[in-house]
C-alpha atoms as a PDB file:
ATOM      1  CA  MET A   1     -99.080 -88.813  17.205  1.00  0.00           C
ATOM      2  CA  LYS A   2    -101.717 -86.091  17.332  1.00  0.00           C
ATOM      3  CA  PHE A   3    -101.409 -83.124  15.014  1.00  0.00           C
ATOM      4  CA  SER A   4    -100.765 -79.908  16.946  1.00  0.00           C
ATOM      5  CA  GLU A   5    -101.624 -76.696  15.099  1.00  0.00           C
ATOM      6  CA  THR A   6     -99.685 -74.489  17.511  1.00  0.00           C
ATOM      7  CA  GLU A   7     -96.583 -76.688  17.393  1.00  0.00           C
ATOM      8  CA  TRP A   8     -96.850 -76.941  13.601  1.00  0.00           C
ATOM      9  CA  VAL A   9     -96.891 -73.161  13.041  1.00  0.00           C
ATOM     10  CA  SER A  10     -94.298 -72.539  15.772  1.00  0.00           C
ATOM     11  CA  ALA A  11     -91.903 -75.114  14.297  1.00  0.00           C
ATOM     12  CA  LEU A  12     -92.334 -73.629  10.834  1.00  0.00           C
ATOM     13  CA  ASN A  13     -91.623 -70.117  12.106  1.00  0.00           C
ATOM     14  CA  GLU A  14     -88.507 -71.373  13.865  1.00  0.00           C
ATOM     15  CA  ALA A  15     -87.347 -73.175  10.731  1.00  0.00           C
ATOM     16  CA  LEU A  16     -87.889 -70.021   8.663  1.00  0.00           C
ATOM     17  CA  SER A  17     -85.864 -67.798  10.971  1.00  0.00           C
ATOM     18  CA  GLY A  18     -83.010 -66.350   8.942  1.00  0.00           C
ATOM     19  CA  VAL A  19     -83.460 -68.738   6.013  1.00  0.00           C
ATOM     20  CA  PHE A  20     -83.957 -66.133   3.327  1.00  0.00           C
ATOM     21  CA  PRO A  21     -81.369 -63.413   2.693  1.00  0.00           C
ATOM     22  CA  GLU A  22     -82.977 -59.992   2.170  1.00  0.00           C
ATOM     23  CA  GLY A  23     -84.263 -59.408  -1.330  1.00  0.00           C
ATOM     24  CA  THR A  24     -83.598 -62.944  -2.563  1.00  0.00           C
ATOM     25  CA  THR A  25     -87.134 -63.772  -3.644  1.00  0.00           C
ATOM     26  CA  ASP A  26     -90.307 -62.346  -5.064  1.00  0.00           C
ATOM     27  CA  SER A  27     -93.121 -61.810  -2.582  1.00  0.00           C
ATOM     28  CA  ILE A  28     -95.494 -64.736  -2.155  1.00  0.00           C
ATOM     29  CA  VAL A  29     -98.295 -65.835   0.172  1.00  0.00           C
ATOM     30  CA  VAL A  30     -98.846 -69.581   0.494  1.00  0.00           C
ATOM     31  CA  GLN A  31    -102.055 -70.775   2.183  1.00  0.00           C
ATOM     32  CA  TYR A  32    -102.273 -74.210   3.825  1.00  0.00           C
ATOM     33  CA  VAL A  33    -105.610 -75.908   4.510  1.00  0.00           C
ATOM     34  CA  ILE A  34    -105.567 -79.015   6.685  1.00  0.00           C
ATOM     35  CA  GLU A  35    -108.707 -81.093   7.071  1.00  0.00           C
ATOM     36  CA  GLU A  36    -108.770 -82.472  10.592  1.00  0.00           C
ATOM     37  CA  SER A  37    -110.219 -85.890  11.427  1.00  0.00           C
ATOM     38  CA  SER A  38    -113.223 -84.092  12.974  1.00  0.00           C
ATOM     39  CA  GLY A  39    -114.087 -82.595   9.571  1.00  0.00           C
ATOM     40  CA  GLU A  40    -113.023 -79.101  10.693  1.00  0.00           C
ATOM     41  CA  PHE A  41    -110.366 -77.191   8.773  1.00  0.00           C
ATOM     42  CA  PHE A  42    -107.191 -75.658  10.176  1.00  0.00           C
ATOM     43  CA  THR A  43    -105.687 -72.907   8.009  1.00  0.00           C
ATOM     44  CA  TYR A  44    -102.417 -71.035   8.204  1.00  0.00           C
ATOM     45  CA  TYR A  45    -100.251 -69.191   5.729  1.00  0.00           C
ATOM     46  CA  LEU A  46     -96.672 -68.341   4.898  1.00  0.00           C
ATOM     47  CA  SER A  47     -95.830 -64.777   3.886  1.00  0.00           C
ATOM     48  CA  LEU A  48     -92.511 -64.170   2.203  1.00  0.00           C
ATOM     49  CA  PHE A  49     -91.702 -60.521   1.557  1.00  0.00           C
ATOM     50  CA  ASP A  50     -88.280 -58.957   0.947  1.00  0.00           C
ATOM     51  CA  GLY A  51     -86.446 -61.808   2.631  1.00  0.00           C
ATOM     52  CA  GLU A  52     -88.703 -61.863   5.693  1.00  0.00           C
ATOM     53  CA  ALA A  53     -90.738 -65.031   6.193  1.00  0.00           C
ATOM     54  CA  SER A  54     -93.463 -65.620   8.743  1.00  0.00           C
ATOM     55  CA  MET A  55     -96.259 -68.089   9.443  1.00  0.00           C
ATOM     56  CA  ARG A  56     -99.665 -67.048  10.750  1.00  0.00           C
ATOM     57  CA  GLU A  57    -102.748 -68.998  11.729  1.00  0.00           C
ATOM     58  CA  GLY A  58    -105.929 -68.222   9.799  1.00  0.00           C
ATOM     59  CA  LYS A  59    -106.840 -67.427   6.242  1.00  0.00           C
ATOM     60  CA  ALA A  60    -104.720 -65.059   4.156  1.00  0.00           C
ATOM     61  CA  GLU A  61    -106.476 -62.106   2.552  1.00  0.00           C
ATOM     62  CA  GLN A  62    -104.977 -63.026  -0.791  1.00  0.00           C
ATOM     63  CA  ALA A  63    -102.944 -66.189  -1.284  1.00  0.00           C
ATOM     64  CA  ASN A  64    -100.898 -66.839  -4.413  1.00  0.00           C
ATOM     65  CA  ILE A  65    -101.062 -70.580  -3.927  1.00  0.00           C
ATOM     66  CA  THR A  66    -102.977 -72.986  -1.686  1.00  0.00           C
ATOM     67  CA  PHE A  67    -101.931 -76.421  -0.464  1.00  0.00           C
ATOM     68  CA  SER A  68    -104.685 -78.695   0.882  1.00  0.00           C
ATOM     69  CA  LEU A  69    -104.157 -81.944   2.760  1.00  0.00           C
ATOM     70  CA  ALA A  70    -105.639 -84.212   5.407  1.00  0.00           C
ATOM     71  CA  GLU A  71    -104.492 -84.151   9.020  1.00  0.00           C
ATOM     72  CA  GLU A  72    -103.037 -87.661   8.697  1.00  0.00           C
ATOM     73  CA  THR A  73    -100.848 -86.511   5.815  1.00  0.00           C
ATOM     74  CA  ALA A  74     -99.787 -83.398   7.763  1.00  0.00           C
ATOM     75  CA  VAL A  75     -98.704 -85.575  10.685  1.00  0.00           C
ATOM     76  CA  GLN A  76     -96.657 -87.811   8.372  1.00  0.00           C
ATOM     77  CA  ILE A  77     -94.955 -84.754   6.911  1.00  0.00           C
ATOM     78  CA  GLN A  78     -94.408 -83.293  10.403  1.00  0.00           C
ATOM     79  CA  VAL A  79     -92.620 -86.445  11.632  1.00  0.00           C
ATOM     80  CA  GLU A  80     -90.768 -86.723   8.309  1.00  0.00           C
ATOM     81  CA  SER A  81     -92.144 -90.144   7.381  1.00  0.00           C
ATOM     82  CA  LEU A  82     -93.529 -88.593   4.177  1.00  0.00           C
ATOM     83  CA  SER A  83     -92.107 -85.792   2.043  1.00  0.00           C
ATOM     84  CA  THR A  84     -94.288 -83.085   0.561  1.00  0.00           C
ATOM     85  CA  GLU A  85     -93.197 -84.199  -2.903  1.00  0.00           C
ATOM     86  CA  GLU A  86     -94.292 -87.777  -2.270  1.00  0.00           C
ATOM     87  CA  ALA A  87     -97.583 -86.587  -0.758  1.00  0.00           C
ATOM     88  CA  PHE A  88     -98.254 -84.552  -3.900  1.00  0.00           C
ATOM     89  CA  LEU A  89     -97.338 -87.405  -6.245  1.00  0.00           C
ATOM     90  CA  ARG A  90     -99.615 -89.776  -4.308  1.00  0.00           C
ATOM     91  CA  GLY A  91    -102.535 -87.324  -4.493  1.00  0.00           C
ATOM     92  CA  LEU A  92    -102.497 -86.690  -0.734  1.00  0.00           C
ATOM     93  CA  LEU A  93    -101.623 -83.007  -1.196  1.00  0.00           C
ATOM     94  CA  THR A  94    -103.351 -80.749  -3.712  1.00  0.00           C
ATOM     95  CA  VAL A  95    -102.033 -77.470  -5.079  1.00  0.00           C
ATOM     96  CA  ASP A  96    -104.104 -74.583  -6.417  1.00  0.00           C
ATOM     97  CA  GLY A  97    -103.006 -71.168  -7.632  1.00  0.00           C
ATOM     98  CA  ASP A  98     -99.938 -69.635  -9.257  1.00  0.00           C
ATOM     99  CA  VAL A  99     -97.631 -72.657  -9.481  1.00  0.00           C
ATOM    100  CA  GLU A 100     -95.314 -70.743 -11.816  1.00  0.00           C
ATOM    101  CA  LEU A 101     -94.669 -68.125  -9.094  1.00  0.00           C
ATOM    102  CA  LEU A 102     -94.084 -70.897  -6.539  1.00  0.00           C
ATOM    103  CA  LEU A 103     -91.509 -72.543  -8.818  1.00  0.00           C
ATOM    104  CA  LYS A 104     -89.832 -69.180  -9.446  1.00  0.00           C
ATOM    105  CA  VAL A 105     -89.560 -68.435  -5.718  1.00  0.00           C
ATOM    106  CA  HIS A 106     -88.304 -71.971  -5.045  1.00  0.00           C
ATOM    107  CA  SER A 107     -85.624 -71.480  -7.706  1.00  0.00           C
ATOM    108  CA  GLN A 108     -84.642 -68.108  -6.204  1.00  0.00           C
ATOM    109  CA  ILE A 109     -84.320 -69.709  -2.750  1.00  0.00           C
ATOM    110  CA  GLU A 110     -82.177 -72.544  -4.113  1.00  0.00           C
ATOM    111  CA  ASP A 111     -79.978 -70.086  -6.011  1.00  0.00           C
ATOM    112  CA  SER A 112     -79.444 -68.024  -2.844  1.00  0.00           C
ATOM    113  CA  LYS A 113     -78.058 -71.116  -1.081  1.00  0.00           C
ATOM    114  CA  ALA A 114     -75.367 -71.647  -3.712  1.00  0.00           C
END
């Protein structure tokens, strides 16, 4: 399966639609950097602000955290043959930035589901 940037961002936006109740989390910008097999990089970012989440192609002005991975890993995550947690544990996904804020927002999201 070929990695499709447009489908990837579109699917993420669809999945985010209505996921976060207003005011449930701190604001955060998460940058994703995918190294394609050609050696080029595809970047996109998630903005979460006051319960509104959106994905955009390109580089964020100021990201709180950055995930970097290879296209092959992104495809495996996209088709759900590999989880992001497993990719991280296997060294296929690197994380840089304010991990404490990421964990706080993740906790806030989980708490809002309860």
